[in-house]
């Protein structure tokens, strides 16, 4: 559970327990490393009597051995959605959703170490429980907002490529000082907002100071106007794309950004504007461009009952696989992952072995 390093000034402990012996051990450990103070994002000692995660930030300059925080593959930042989804055949499903939810669950269940920073009205939704129900290993750092993102999606076609979205309420926008940089060390910061303004432009260069930046561009293109969702080009794209290591769009978003319907050509333009690796989703395939070669992999889902969250699952799967794999391998894994996920509603709750078996069967 704990890792140690010599002569470190700061100590962060994240502990999940409702066991009295473990609570006693943790209390003794904290007393050992006194004097201590709790950071403004930490919880009080009373939390030792709960099953909630406990984050302690402690300080002792003279310590010979200290405990350092655990690293993550990705930190995913974005609001949780409270969705009502109406399928093309009239089927109505109410569910927790949002890019952070589908992305986080998929990546965590693939075995990656994932932290999420979801925002919602916490008096109306137990965000931590929602994530842990589908992905028990995920680390959740919830942020409160006066309102949640509440939306209704009506899908007009069987492939769910076309939809009308209406929004009842939005979150308070993220700010850079809400990100617990003193508690989370992630290789990738994945910006996964749902509407324009939720994640402001200044978050991108701020994120680039801490990690590789991945962004789903919908958070810069989709705006709420008169209760509906409309798309506008991203005015600051040429200024901010150079900060981005991984850029995700779908085919329609790529056309809005570049004016091009050819996905490969659009990817080349986006690369020319500064993004290092571009992933474009389509209902038939996933495309990646890295400035050297166009890579594609077909989607082979046998049904579309789990279409919602397709792009989120693909992108999270891809960028986390890219930490250790080359582009073709990461792309095939991510495409197989989303193909399998699309065959059942909700976030991906399977395992890496399920995806590997699917690759052997379908690819």
Protein backbone atom coordinates (compact mmCIF):
# COMPACT_ATOMS: atom_id res chain seq x y z
CA UNK A 1 0.00 0.00 0.00
CA UNK A 2 2.75 2.45 0.94
CA UNK A 3 5.98 3.35 -0.86
CA UNK A 4 9.02 4.89 0.81
CA UNK A 5 11.78 7.26 -0.27
CA UNK A 6 14.63 9.00 1.56
CA UNK A 7 14.55 12.62 2.70
CA UNK A 8 11.26 13.80 1.22
CA UNK A 9 9.55 16.89 2.60
CA UNK A 10 5.96 15.94 1.91
CA UNK A 11 3.90 12.89 2.74
CA UNK A 12 0.57 11.89 1.24
CA UNK A 13 -1.36 8.87 2.43
CA UNK A 14 -4.44 7.52 0.67
CA UNK A 15 -6.05 4.82 2.76
CA UNK A 16 -9.30 2.87 2.39
CA UNK A 17 -10.34 1.07 5.53
CA UNK A 18 -13.08 0.30 7.98
CA UNK A 19 -10.89 -2.16 9.88
CA UNK A 20 -10.03 -1.09 13.45
CA UNK A 21 -6.51 -2.62 13.42
CA UNK A 22 -5.64 -0.87 10.17
CA UNK A 23 -7.03 2.41 11.50
CA UNK A 24 -4.84 2.03 14.56
CA UNK A 25 -1.78 1.36 12.41
CA UNK A 26 -2.49 4.42 10.29
CA UNK A 27 -2.98 6.62 13.36
CA UNK A 28 0.35 5.44 14.77
CA UNK A 29 2.07 6.09 11.47
CA UNK A 30 0.70 9.63 11.30
CA UNK A 31 1.81 10.37 14.88
CA UNK A 32 5.27 9.09 13.99
CA UNK A 33 5.58 11.66 11.24
CA UNK A 34 4.45 14.64 13.28
CA UNK A 35 4.31 17.57 13.19
CA UNK A 36 1.68 17.30 10.51
CA UNK A 37 -0.95 19.41 8.92
CA UNK A 38 -3.87 18.52 6.76
CA UNK A 39 -4.04 20.08 3.32
CA UNK A 40 -7.16 22.00 2.41
CA UNK A 41 -8.32 19.07 0.28
CA UNK A 42 -7.76 16.50 3.02
CA UNK A 43 -10.39 15.13 5.36
CA UNK A 44 -10.38 15.14 9.14
CA UNK A 45 -9.41 12.33 11.48
CA UNK A 46 -13.09 11.46 11.85
CA UNK A 47 -12.85 9.98 8.36
CA UNK A 48 -10.79 7.17 9.87
CA UNK A 49 -14.09 5.68 10.95
CA UNK A 50 -15.45 5.53 7.42
CA UNK A 51 -14.80 3.62 4.23
CA UNK A 52 -14.09 6.80 2.27
CA UNK A 53 -10.60 7.44 0.87
CA UNK A 54 -8.48 9.44 3.30
CA UNK A 55 -5.84 11.78 1.88
CA UNK A 56 -3.31 13.14 4.38
CA UNK A 57 -0.65 15.65 3.43
CA UNK A 58 2.09 15.66 6.07
CA UNK A 59 5.45 17.39 6.44
CA UNK A 60 8.65 16.51 8.22
CA UNK A 61 11.86 17.96 6.85
CA UNK A 62 14.24 15.85 8.93
CA UNK A 63 12.67 12.49 8.17
CA UNK A 64 15.08 9.80 6.99
CA UNK A 65 12.24 7.79 5.47
CA UNK A 66 9.00 9.16 4.18
CA UNK A 67 6.06 7.76 2.26
CA UNK A 68 5.41 9.20 -1.21
CA UNK A 69 2.20 9.33 -3.19
CA UNK A 70 1.25 6.69 -5.73
CA UNK A 71 1.56 7.53 -9.41
CA UNK A 72 -1.22 7.18 -11.99
CA UNK A 73 -1.23 6.49 -15.69
CA UNK A 74 -3.92 9.11 -16.26
CA UNK A 75 -5.84 11.80 -14.44
CA UNK A 76 -9.19 12.33 -16.18
CA UNK A 77 -10.87 15.70 -15.62
CA UNK A 78 -14.51 16.24 -16.52
CA UNK A 79 -18.05 16.47 -15.21
CA UNK A 80 -20.31 13.51 -14.62
CA UNK A 81 -23.54 13.67 -16.61
CA UNK A 82 -26.95 12.67 -15.40
CA UNK A 83 -28.31 11.43 -18.72
CA UNK A 84 -31.65 10.52 -20.18
CA UNK A 85 -31.00 8.65 -23.44
CA UNK A 86 -33.82 8.07 -25.96
CA UNK A 87 -32.90 5.54 -28.63
CA UNK A 88 -34.08 5.72 -32.24
CA UNK A 89 -36.72 3.06 -31.46
CA UNK A 90 -38.12 5.03 -28.50
CA UNK A 91 -36.36 3.11 -25.71
CA UNK A 92 -35.63 5.41 -22.75
CA UNK A 93 -32.71 4.83 -20.39
CA UNK A 94 -31.67 7.04 -17.46
CA UNK A 95 -28.06 6.69 -16.43
CA UNK A 96 -24.90 8.25 -15.10
CA UNK A 97 -22.71 9.22 -18.01
CA UNK A 98 -20.14 11.66 -19.29
CA UNK A 99 -16.72 11.31 -20.89
CA UNK A 100 -14.96 11.04 -17.51
CA UNK A 101 -17.24 8.14 -16.54
CA UNK A 102 -16.91 6.06 -19.71
CA UNK A 103 -13.21 6.86 -20.08
CA UNK A 104 -12.32 6.19 -16.47
CA UNK A 105 -14.17 2.90 -16.17
CA UNK A 106 -12.76 1.55 -19.44
CA UNK A 107 -9.14 2.42 -18.69
CA UNK A 108 -9.29 1.24 -15.08
CA UNK A 109 -10.90 -2.08 -15.99
CA UNK A 110 -8.16 -2.62 -18.57
CA UNK A 111 -5.72 -2.59 -15.66
CA UNK A 112 -4.43 0.97 -15.89
CA UNK A 113 -3.95 3.10 -12.78
CA UNK A 114 -6.55 5.82 -13.18
CA UNK A 115 -7.56 8.84 -11.13
CA UNK A 116 -10.66 10.86 -11.99
CA UNK A 117 -11.60 14.41 -10.98
CA UNK A 118 -15.36 14.44 -11.62
CA UNK A 119 -17.54 17.42 -10.80
CA UNK A 120 -21.24 17.31 -9.91
CA UNK A 121 -23.77 18.42 -7.32
CA UNK A 122 -22.62 15.93 -4.69
CA UNK A 123 -25.81 16.38 -2.68
CA UNK A 124 -27.71 14.82 -5.59
CA UNK A 125 -25.25 12.16 -6.76
CA UNK A 126 -22.78 9.88 -4.97
CA UNK A 127 -20.07 10.17 -7.59
CA UNK A 128 -17.57 7.88 -5.87
CA UNK A 129 -20.13 5.09 -5.56
CA UNK A 130 -21.13 5.49 -9.21
CA UNK A 131 -17.54 4.92 -10.34
CA UNK A 132 -16.74 2.14 -7.90
CA UNK A 133 -19.86 0.20 -8.88
CA UNK A 134 -18.41 -0.23 -12.38
CA UNK A 135 -14.64 0.11 -11.77
CA UNK A 136 -13.64 -0.74 -8.18
CA UNK A 137 -9.94 0.05 -8.71
CA UNK A 138 -10.41 3.65 -9.82
CA UNK A 139 -9.31 6.53 -7.56
CA UNK A 140 -12.00 9.21 -7.30
CA UNK A 141 -11.38 12.82 -6.27
CA UNK A 142 -14.88 14.36 -6.48
CA UNK A 143 -15.48 18.10 -6.74
CA UNK A 144 -18.74 19.74 -5.73
CA UNK A 145 -20.69 22.07 -7.99
CA UNK A 146 -23.93 23.98 -7.34
CA UNK A 147 -25.46 22.08 -10.25
CA UNK A 148 -24.77 18.87 -12.15
CA UNK A 149 -24.62 18.47 -15.91
CA UNK A 150 -28.12 17.19 -16.67
CA UNK A 151 -28.94 16.33 -20.28
CA UNK A 152 -31.25 14.43 -22.62
CA UNK A 153 -29.93 12.72 -25.75
CA UNK A 154 -32.31 11.67 -28.53
CA UNK A 155 -30.70 9.40 -31.14
CA UNK A 156 -32.20 9.58 -34.63
CA UNK A 157 -30.53 6.62 -36.36
CA UNK A 158 -29.69 3.04 -35.50
CA UNK A 159 -25.95 3.71 -35.67
CA UNK A 160 -26.37 6.64 -33.23
CA UNK A 161 -24.24 8.89 -35.41
CA UNK A 162 -26.87 11.64 -35.27
CA UNK A 163 -28.45 12.91 -32.08
CA UNK A 164 -30.17 15.93 -30.56
CA UNK A 165 -29.05 16.92 -27.08
CA UNK A 166 -30.82 19.26 -24.67
CA UNK A 167 -29.29 20.48 -21.42
CA UNK A 168 -31.15 21.38 -18.23
CA UNK A 169 -28.17 22.50 -16.14
CA UNK A 170 -24.40 22.92 -16.27
CA UNK A 171 -21.59 22.59 -13.73
CA UNK A 172 -19.59 25.51 -12.43
CA UNK A 173 -16.50 25.58 -14.70
CA UNK A 174 -13.29 23.93 -13.55
CA UNK A 175 -10.49 26.15 -12.31
CA UNK A 176 -6.80 25.33 -12.22
CA UNK A 177 -6.63 25.60 -8.42
CA UNK A 178 -9.19 22.80 -8.08
CA UNK A 179 -6.78 20.22 -9.47
CA UNK A 180 -5.01 18.52 -6.52
CA UNK A 181 -1.52 18.67 -7.97
CA UNK A 182 -0.13 18.02 -4.49
CA UNK A 183 -1.89 14.65 -4.39
CA UNK A 184 -1.85 13.29 -7.95
CA UNK A 185 1.15 12.46 -10.14
CA UNK A 186 -0.14 11.26 -13.53
CA UNK A 187 1.66 10.63 -16.81
CA UNK A 188 -1.34 11.98 -18.78
CA UNK A 189 -3.90 14.63 -17.96
CA UNK A 190 -6.98 13.73 -19.99
CA UNK A 191 -9.35 16.70 -20.36
CA UNK A 192 -12.81 15.22 -20.84
CA UNK A 193 -15.41 17.96 -20.52
CA UNK A 194 -18.84 17.86 -22.08
CA UNK A 195 -19.55 21.45 -23.11
CA UNK A 196 -17.72 24.64 -23.97
CA UNK A 197 -16.62 26.60 -20.93
CA UNK A 198 -16.60 23.62 -18.55
CA UNK A 199 -12.84 23.27 -18.98
CA UNK A 200 -11.46 26.71 -19.83
CA UNK A 201 -8.64 27.28 -22.31
CA UNK A 202 -6.17 28.14 -19.54
CA UNK A 203 -6.41 24.58 -18.23
CA UNK A 204 -4.46 23.33 -21.27
CA UNK A 205 -1.12 25.11 -20.71
CA UNK A 206 -1.54 24.50 -16.98
CA UNK A 207 -1.93 20.77 -17.61
CA UNK A 208 1.08 20.77 -19.93
CA UNK A 209 3.27 21.89 -17.03
CA UNK A 210 2.42 18.67 -15.18
CA UNK A 211 1.93 15.90 -17.75
CA UNK A 212 1.26 14.97 -21.35
CA UNK A 213 -2.06 16.55 -22.33
CA UNK A 214 -4.87 14.57 -23.95
CA UNK A 215 -8.11 16.30 -24.89
CA UNK A 216 -11.44 15.28 -26.35
CA UNK A 217 -12.15 18.34 -28.47
CA UNK A 218 -15.91 18.18 -27.85
CA UNK A 219 -15.28 20.18 -24.68
CA UNK A 220 -14.13 23.08 -26.89
CA UNK A 221 -16.73 22.76 -29.67
CA UNK A 222 -20.08 21.96 -28.01
CA UNK A 223 -21.90 24.93 -26.50
CA UNK A 224 -25.23 25.18 -24.73
CA UNK A 225 -27.54 27.72 -26.36
CA UNK A 226 -31.25 28.02 -25.51
CA UNK A 227 -31.17 24.62 -23.83
CA UNK A 228 -29.71 22.86 -26.86
CA UNK A 229 -26.23 21.79 -27.86
CA UNK A 230 -24.69 23.55 -30.85
CA UNK A 231 -21.21 23.30 -32.35
CA UNK A 232 -18.85 26.19 -32.97
CA UNK A 233 -15.26 26.18 -34.15
CA UNK A 234 -12.55 26.55 -31.51
CA UNK A 235 -11.18 30.05 -32.01
CA UNK A 236 -7.99 29.42 -30.04
CA UNK A 237 -7.16 26.08 -31.66
CA UNK A 238 -3.96 27.17 -33.40
CA UNK A 239 -2.69 28.79 -30.20
CA UNK A 240 -3.43 25.79 -27.96
CA UNK A 241 -3.03 22.68 -30.13
CA UNK A 242 0.79 22.78 -29.76
CA UNK A 243 0.33 21.95 -26.05
CA UNK A 244 -1.59 18.76 -26.87
CA UNK A 245 0.06 15.35 -27.06
CA UNK A 246 -3.12 13.38 -27.86
CA UNK A 247 -6.12 14.96 -29.65
CA UNK A 248 -9.43 13.16 -30.10
CA UNK A 249 -12.22 14.17 -32.47
CA UNK A 250 -15.00 12.37 -34.26
CA UNK A 251 -15.55 12.78 -38.00
CA UNK A 252 -18.04 15.65 -37.61
CA UNK A 253 -15.80 17.52 -35.15
CA UNK A 254 -12.80 17.12 -37.44
CA UNK A 255 -14.82 18.74 -40.22
CA UNK A 256 -15.79 21.66 -37.97
CA UNK A 257 -12.16 22.23 -37.03
CA UNK A 258 -10.65 21.90 -40.51
CA UNK A 259 -13.47 22.20 -43.05
CA UNK A 260 -12.46 18.81 -44.48
CA UNK A 261 -14.63 15.70 -44.79
CA UNK A 262 -11.64 13.45 -45.55
CA UNK A 263 -10.59 12.22 -42.11
CA UNK A 264 -6.99 11.47 -43.06
CA UNK A 265 -6.52 14.92 -44.55
CA UNK A 266 -8.17 16.53 -41.53
CA UNK A 267 -5.78 14.67 -39.23
CA UNK A 268 -2.82 16.00 -41.22
CA UNK A 269 -4.08 19.57 -40.87
CA UNK A 270 -4.54 19.15 -37.11
CA UNK A 271 -1.02 17.80 -36.86
CA UNK A 272 0.24 20.78 -38.82
CA UNK A 273 -1.41 23.07 -36.28
CA UNK A 274 0.56 21.47 -33.47
CA UNK A 275 -1.19 18.40 -32.01
CA UNK A 276 1.31 15.54 -31.80
CA UNK A 277 -0.97 12.52 -32.23
CA UNK A 278 -4.51 12.72 -33.60
CA UNK A 279 -7.22 10.09 -33.12
CA UNK A 280 -10.45 10.39 -35.15
CA UNK A 281 -13.39 8.07 -34.51
CA UNK A 282 -16.00 7.00 -37.03
CA UNK A 283 -18.74 4.40 -36.93
CA UNK A 284 -16.67 2.12 -39.19
CA UNK A 285 -13.11 2.61 -37.94
CA UNK A 286 -10.66 4.49 -35.75
CA UNK A 287 -7.90 6.52 -37.40
CA UNK A 288 -4.60 7.72 -35.88
CA UNK A 289 -2.01 10.05 -37.38
CA UNK A 290 1.36 10.85 -35.80
CA UNK A 291 2.89 13.07 -38.50
CA UNK A 292 4.43 10.12 -40.32
CA UNK A 293 1.77 7.56 -41.14
CA UNK A 294 -2.01 7.10 -41.19
CA UNK A 295 -3.11 4.08 -39.15
CA UNK A 296 -6.65 2.67 -39.16
CA UNK A 297 -8.42 -0.20 -37.45
CA UNK A 298 -12.01 -1.35 -38.13
CA UNK A 299 -14.74 -1.41 -35.51
CA UNK A 300 -16.25 -4.91 -35.40
CA UNK A 301 -19.07 -4.59 -32.87
CA UNK A 302 -21.79 -7.17 -33.50
CA UNK A 303 -24.52 -4.85 -32.18
CA UNK A 304 -24.83 -1.21 -31.11
CA UNK A 305 -26.70 -1.51 -27.83
CA UNK A 306 -23.78 0.13 -26.00
CA UNK A 307 -23.05 2.91 -28.51
CA UNK A 308 -23.09 5.69 -25.88
CA UNK A 309 -19.54 6.35 -24.70
CA UNK A 310 -17.91 4.93 -27.82
CA UNK A 311 -15.44 7.76 -28.40
CA UNK A 312 -14.62 8.09 -24.71
CA UNK A 313 -13.81 4.40 -24.39
CA UNK A 314 -11.68 4.43 -27.53
CA UNK A 315 -9.63 7.47 -26.53
CA UNK A 316 -9.00 6.40 -22.94
CA UNK A 317 -8.06 2.92 -24.08
CA UNK A 318 -5.69 4.26 -26.72
CA UNK A 319 -3.78 6.89 -24.74
CA UNK A 320 -3.18 4.61 -21.77
CA UNK A 321 -2.01 1.77 -23.99
CA UNK A 322 0.36 4.22 -25.71
CA UNK A 323 2.29 4.63 -22.48
CA UNK A 324 3.85 1.23 -23.15
CA UNK A 325 2.81 0.16 -26.68
CA UNK A 326 3.44 1.30 -30.26
CA UNK A 327 0.66 2.90 -32.30
CA UNK A 328 -0.60 -0.19 -34.19
CA UNK A 329 -0.80 -2.28 -31.01
CA UNK A 330 -2.46 0.46 -28.97
CA UNK A 331 -4.90 1.21 -31.78
CA UNK A 332 -5.97 -2.41 -32.19
CA UNK A 333 -6.42 -2.83 -28.45
CA UNK A 334 -8.48 0.36 -28.18
CA UNK A 335 -10.63 -0.52 -31.20
CA UNK A 336 -11.28 -4.05 -29.93
CA UNK A 337 -12.06 -2.60 -26.50
CA UNK A 338 -14.68 -0.23 -27.89
CA UNK A 339 -16.12 -2.87 -30.23
CA UNK A 340 -16.69 -5.16 -27.26
CA UNK A 341 -18.01 -2.31 -25.11
CA UNK A 342 -20.55 -1.36 -27.82
CA UNK A 343 -22.20 -4.75 -27.52
CA UNK A 344 -23.61 -3.97 -24.06
CA UNK A 345 -25.04 -0.75 -22.55
CA UNK A 346 -23.08 1.20 -19.97
CA UNK A 347 -19.34 1.57 -19.43
CA UNK A 348 -16.90 -1.25 -20.13
CA UNK A 349 -16.86 -3.58 -17.12
CA UNK A 350 -14.89 -6.47 -18.57
CA UNK A 351 -11.21 -7.27 -18.27
CA UNK A 352 -8.08 -7.08 -20.39
CA UNK A 353 -8.39 -10.82 -20.97
CA UNK A 354 -11.87 -10.28 -22.42
CA UNK A 355 -10.41 -7.80 -24.91
CA UNK A 356 -7.51 -10.08 -25.80
CA UNK A 357 -9.97 -12.92 -26.42
CA UNK A 358 -12.06 -10.60 -28.60
CA UNK A 359 -9.00 -9.70 -30.67
CA UNK A 360 -8.28 -13.38 -31.29
CA UNK A 361 -11.91 -13.96 -32.31
CA UNK A 362 -12.60 -10.87 -34.41
CA UNK A 363 -9.23 -9.56 -35.64
